[in-house]
């Protein structure tokens, strides 16, 4: 909380993907257990089965952990318990919206790199407010970049 003293926090919210869709959360857990069971049946090795279980759990862990999004005057921050991603508004050139999310892109045109360089902001309860901030920030940044060139 203290780390954002120097920049104004425009909006902050927390989501838990598993809580939004409990049936899917249970299905993912069951699939992980079934895959682990098949690894044990195939390899007949407890150590490799435990390693497979750990790898599978690490892959689905973000679905079960809370994500906090913070939009400040300078940057977008996506925080999870073991991970933090900070991106400055200047990096983004365009955005796309869907029902529950907004995807920010670093290139002004469609590119094959979009999936690797973009940032997905999940905002099911405050989509309009987030979109308003993003429109203001990205249009301002694009205008400034055009005037500099």
C-alpha atoms as a PDB file:
ATOM      1  CA  UNK A   1       0.000   0.000   0.000  1.00  0.00           C
ATOM      2  CA  UNK A   2       2.830   2.402   0.828  1.00  0.00           C
ATOM      3  CA  UNK A   3       4.653   1.727  -2.443  1.00  0.00           C
ATOM      4  CA  UNK A   4       2.279   3.965  -4.426  1.00  0.00           C
ATOM      5  CA  UNK A   5       2.763   7.148  -2.367  1.00  0.00           C
ATOM      6  CA  UNK A   6       4.443   9.028  -5.214  1.00  0.00           C
ATOM      7  CA  UNK A   7       1.763   8.271  -7.827  1.00  0.00           C
ATOM      8  CA  UNK A   8      -1.974   8.764  -7.612  1.00  0.00           C
ATOM      9  CA  UNK A   9      -3.949   5.522  -7.590  1.00  0.00           C
ATOM     10  CA  UNK A  10      -6.828   5.952 -10.016  1.00  0.00           C
ATOM     11  CA  UNK A  11      -8.462   2.583  -9.412  1.00  0.00           C
ATOM     12  CA  UNK A  12      -7.727  -0.609  -7.473  1.00  0.00           C
ATOM     13  CA  UNK A  13      -9.631  -3.909  -7.431  1.00  0.00           C
ATOM     14  CA  UNK A  14      -9.089  -7.553  -6.591  1.00  0.00           C
ATOM     15  CA  UNK A  15     -10.502 -10.628  -8.321  1.00  0.00           C
ATOM     16  CA  UNK A  16     -10.329 -14.353  -7.722  1.00  0.00           C
ATOM     17  CA  UNK A  17     -10.960 -16.312 -10.890  1.00  0.00           C
ATOM     18  CA  UNK A  18     -11.853 -19.554  -9.098  1.00  0.00           C
ATOM     19  CA  UNK A  19     -14.516 -17.782  -7.039  1.00  0.00           C
ATOM     20  CA  UNK A  20     -16.135 -16.342 -10.164  1.00  0.00           C
ATOM     21  CA  UNK A  21     -16.743 -19.832 -11.586  1.00  0.00           C
ATOM     22  CA  UNK A  22     -16.643 -22.547  -8.889  1.00  0.00           C
ATOM     23  CA  UNK A  23     -17.682 -25.322 -11.287  1.00  0.00           C
ATOM     24  CA  UNK A  24     -14.700 -24.590 -13.533  1.00  0.00           C
ATOM     25  CA  UNK A  25     -12.389 -24.455 -10.503  1.00  0.00           C
ATOM     26  CA  UNK A  26     -13.534 -27.930  -9.457  1.00  0.00           C
ATOM     27  CA  UNK A  27     -13.183 -29.211 -13.028  1.00  0.00           C
ATOM     28  CA  UNK A  28      -9.610 -27.909 -13.262  1.00  0.00           C
ATOM     29  CA  UNK A  29      -8.705 -29.593  -9.963  1.00  0.00           C
ATOM     30  CA  UNK A  30     -10.231 -32.876 -11.135  1.00  0.00           C
ATOM     31  CA  UNK A  31      -8.354 -32.698 -14.450  1.00  0.00           C
ATOM     32  CA  UNK A  32      -5.074 -32.122 -12.603  1.00  0.00           C
ATOM     33  CA  UNK A  33      -5.735 -35.176 -10.432  1.00  0.00           C
ATOM     34  CA  UNK A  34      -6.714 -37.330 -13.421  1.00  0.00           C
ATOM     35  CA  UNK A  35      -3.584 -36.309 -15.328  1.00  0.00           C
ATOM     36  CA  UNK A  36      -1.456 -37.082 -12.280  1.00  0.00           C
ATOM     37  CA  UNK A  37      -3.113 -40.484 -11.961  1.00  0.00           C
ATOM     38  CA  UNK A  38      -2.366 -41.258 -15.634  1.00  0.00           C
ATOM     39  CA  UNK A  39       1.260 -40.257 -15.123  1.00  0.00           C
ATOM     40  CA  UNK A  40       1.465 -42.728 -12.254  1.00  0.00           C
ATOM     41  CA  UNK A  41      -0.210 -45.488 -14.293  1.00  0.00           C
ATOM     42  CA  UNK A  42       2.091 -44.872 -17.238  1.00  0.00           C
ATOM     43  CA  UNK A  43       5.425 -44.435 -15.467  1.00  0.00           C
ATOM     44  CA  UNK A  44       4.876 -46.443 -12.260  1.00  0.00           C
ATOM     45  CA  UNK A  45       7.161 -44.030 -10.410  1.00  0.00           C
ATOM     46  CA  UNK A  46       6.086 -42.044  -7.359  1.00  0.00           C
ATOM     47  CA  UNK A  47       8.827 -39.420  -7.717  1.00  0.00           C
ATOM     48  CA  UNK A  48       7.899 -38.593 -11.324  1.00  0.00           C
ATOM     49  CA  UNK A  49       4.229 -38.528 -10.355  1.00  0.00           C
ATOM     50  CA  UNK A  50       4.928 -35.998  -7.601  1.00  0.00           C
ATOM     51  CA  UNK A  51       6.989 -33.904 -10.031  1.00  0.00           C
ATOM     52  CA  UNK A  52       4.129 -34.016 -12.568  1.00  0.00           C
ATOM     53  CA  UNK A  53       1.648 -32.980  -9.862  1.00  0.00           C
ATOM     54  CA  UNK A  54       3.851 -30.057  -8.816  1.00  0.00           C
ATOM     55  CA  UNK A  55       4.257 -28.885 -12.426  1.00  0.00           C
ATOM     56  CA  UNK A  56       0.515 -29.120 -13.079  1.00  0.00           C
ATOM     57  CA  UNK A  57      -0.305 -27.268  -9.864  1.00  0.00           C
ATOM     58  CA  UNK A  58       2.141 -24.500 -10.734  1.00  0.00           C
ATOM     59  CA  UNK A  59       0.513 -24.163 -14.148  1.00  0.00           C
ATOM     60  CA  UNK A  60      -3.008 -23.673 -12.735  1.00  0.00           C
ATOM     61  CA  UNK A  61      -2.014 -21.788  -9.589  1.00  0.00           C
ATOM     62  CA  UNK A  62      -2.793 -18.310 -11.005  1.00  0.00           C
ATOM     63  CA  UNK A  63      -6.410 -19.400 -11.444  1.00  0.00           C
ATOM     64  CA  UNK A  64      -6.729 -20.066  -7.701  1.00  0.00           C
ATOM     65  CA  UNK A  65      -4.813 -17.051  -6.365  1.00  0.00           C
ATOM     66  CA  UNK A  66      -6.228 -13.531  -6.010  1.00  0.00           C
ATOM     67  CA  UNK A  67      -5.110 -10.904  -8.531  1.00  0.00           C
ATOM     68  CA  UNK A  68      -4.981  -7.235  -7.657  1.00  0.00           C
ATOM     69  CA  UNK A  69      -5.037  -4.639 -10.410  1.00  0.00           C
ATOM     70  CA  UNK A  70      -3.879  -1.098  -9.697  1.00  0.00           C
ATOM     71  CA  UNK A  71      -4.224   1.681 -12.239  1.00  0.00           C
ATOM     72  CA  UNK A  72      -2.099   4.673 -11.316  1.00  0.00           C
ATOM     73  CA  UNK A  73      -1.400   7.893 -13.128  1.00  0.00           C
ATOM     74  CA  UNK A  74       1.899   6.451 -14.390  1.00  0.00           C
ATOM     75  CA  UNK A  75       1.449   2.683 -14.744  1.00  0.00           C
ATOM     76  CA  UNK A  76      -0.696  -0.438 -14.674  1.00  0.00           C
ATOM     77  CA  UNK A  77       0.164  -2.961 -11.957  1.00  0.00           C
ATOM     78  CA  UNK A  78      -0.996  -6.575 -11.807  1.00  0.00           C
ATOM     79  CA  UNK A  79      -0.148  -8.216  -8.483  1.00  0.00           C
ATOM     80  CA  UNK A  80      -0.389 -11.814  -7.361  1.00  0.00           C
ATOM     81  CA  UNK A  81       1.102 -13.346  -4.190  1.00  0.00           C
ATOM     82  CA  UNK A  82       4.349 -14.422  -5.906  1.00  0.00           C
ATOM     83  CA  UNK A  83       4.323 -12.191  -8.967  1.00  0.00           C
ATOM     84  CA  UNK A  84       4.110  -8.516  -9.849  1.00  0.00           C
ATOM     85  CA  UNK A  85       3.877  -7.030 -13.325  1.00  0.00           C
ATOM     86  CA  UNK A  86       4.300  -3.287 -13.825  1.00  0.00           C
ATOM     87  CA  UNK A  87       3.816  -1.643 -17.195  1.00  0.00           C
ATOM     88  CA  UNK A  88       3.947   2.073 -17.933  1.00  0.00           C
ATOM     89  CA  UNK A  89       1.083   3.665 -19.843  1.00  0.00           C
ATOM     90  CA  UNK A  90       3.566   4.894 -22.467  1.00  0.00           C
ATOM     91  CA  UNK A  91       4.135   1.285 -23.586  1.00  0.00           C
ATOM     92  CA  UNK A  92       0.577   0.824 -24.834  1.00  0.00           C
ATOM     93  CA  UNK A  93      -0.706   2.025 -28.200  1.00  0.00           C
ATOM     94  CA  UNK A  94      -4.150   0.399 -28.503  1.00  0.00           C
ATOM     95  CA  UNK A  95      -6.657  -1.768 -26.667  1.00  0.00           C
ATOM     96  CA  UNK A  96      -9.485  -4.250 -27.270  1.00  0.00           C
ATOM     97  CA  UNK A  97     -12.457  -4.852 -25.041  1.00  0.00           C
ATOM     98  CA  UNK A  98     -14.549  -7.895 -24.298  1.00  0.00           C
ATOM     99  CA  UNK A  99     -17.363  -8.527 -21.836  1.00  0.00           C
ATOM    100  CA  UNK A 100     -15.180  -8.983 -18.736  1.00  0.00           C
ATOM    101  CA  UNK A 101     -11.708  -7.885 -19.814  1.00  0.00           C
ATOM    102  CA  UNK A 102      -9.643  -5.297 -21.633  1.00  0.00           C
ATOM    103  CA  UNK A 103      -6.457  -6.200 -23.455  1.00  0.00           C
ATOM    104  CA  UNK A 104      -3.734  -3.577 -23.823  1.00  0.00           C
ATOM    105  CA  UNK A 105      -1.358  -3.832 -26.793  1.00  0.00           C
ATOM    106  CA  UNK A 106       2.090  -2.332 -27.225  1.00  0.00           C
ATOM    107  CA  UNK A 107       1.880  -1.917 -31.014  1.00  0.00           C
ATOM    108  CA  UNK A 108      -0.495   0.396 -32.841  1.00  0.00           C
ATOM    109  CA  UNK A 109      -1.199  -2.241 -35.509  1.00  0.00           C
ATOM    110  CA  UNK A 110      -2.052  -5.947 -35.295  1.00  0.00           C
ATOM    111  CA  UNK A 111       1.066  -8.065 -34.894  1.00  0.00           C
ATOM    112  CA  UNK A 112       2.016 -11.676 -34.253  1.00  0.00           C
ATOM    113  CA  UNK A 113       3.744 -10.428 -31.106  1.00  0.00           C
ATOM    114  CA  UNK A 114       0.488  -9.204 -29.566  1.00  0.00           C
ATOM    115  CA  UNK A 115      -0.008 -12.303 -27.427  1.00  0.00           C
ATOM    116  CA  UNK A 116       3.480 -11.988 -25.952  1.00  0.00           C
ATOM    117  CA  UNK A 117       3.622  -8.250 -25.365  1.00  0.00           C
ATOM    118  CA  UNK A 118       0.048  -7.464 -24.351  1.00  0.00           C
ATOM    119  CA  UNK A 119      -1.482  -7.153 -20.897  1.00  0.00           C
ATOM    120  CA  UNK A 120      -4.899  -8.593 -20.067  1.00  0.00           C
ATOM    121  CA  UNK A 121      -6.877  -6.667 -17.474  1.00  0.00           C
ATOM    122  CA  UNK A 122      -9.778  -8.667 -16.069  1.00  0.00           C
ATOM    123  CA  UNK A 123     -12.496  -6.342 -14.820  1.00  0.00           C
ATOM    124  CA  UNK A 124     -15.912  -8.011 -14.547  1.00  0.00           C
ATOM    125  CA  UNK A 125     -17.467  -5.609 -12.028  1.00  0.00           C
ATOM    126  CA  UNK A 126     -15.975  -2.275 -13.060  1.00  0.00           C
ATOM    127  CA  UNK A 127     -15.482  -2.613 -16.817  1.00  0.00           C
ATOM    128  CA  UNK A 128     -16.879   0.828 -17.701  1.00  0.00           C
ATOM    129  CA  UNK A 129     -14.740   2.672 -15.142  1.00  0.00           C
ATOM    130  CA  UNK A 130     -11.566   0.828 -16.229  1.00  0.00           C
ATOM    131  CA  UNK A 131     -12.346   1.454 -19.896  1.00  0.00           C
ATOM    132  CA  UNK A 132     -12.805   5.169 -19.212  1.00  0.00           C
ATOM    133  CA  UNK A 133      -9.347   5.378 -17.586  1.00  0.00           C
ATOM    134  CA  UNK A 134      -7.714   3.347 -20.369  1.00  0.00           C
ATOM    135  CA  UNK A 135      -9.292   5.471 -23.094  1.00  0.00           C
ATOM    136  CA  UNK A 136      -8.023   8.610 -21.405  1.00  0.00           C
ATOM    137  CA  UNK A 137      -4.517   7.251 -20.838  1.00  0.00           C
ATOM    138  CA  UNK A 138      -3.920   5.520 -24.166  1.00  0.00           C
ATOM    139  CA  UNK A 139      -5.388   8.306 -26.304  1.00  0.00           C
ATOM    140  CA  UNK A 140      -3.223  10.840 -24.442  1.00  0.00           C
ATOM    141  CA  UNK A 141      -0.107   8.705 -24.908  1.00  0.00           C
ATOM    142  CA  UNK A 142      -0.838   8.136 -28.616  1.00  0.00           C
ATOM    143  CA  UNK A 143      -1.342  11.868 -29.197  1.00  0.00           C
ATOM    144  CA  UNK A 144       1.917  12.689 -27.412  1.00  0.00           C
ATOM    145  CA  UNK A 145       3.813  10.070 -29.443  1.00  0.00           C
ATOM    146  CA  UNK A 146       2.354  11.452 -32.700  1.00  0.00           C
ATOM    147  CA  UNK A 147       3.317  15.004 -31.800  1.00  0.00           C
ATOM    148  CA  UNK A 148       6.912  13.974 -31.000  1.00  0.00           C
ATOM    149  CA  UNK A 149       7.438  12.279 -34.382  1.00  0.00           C
END
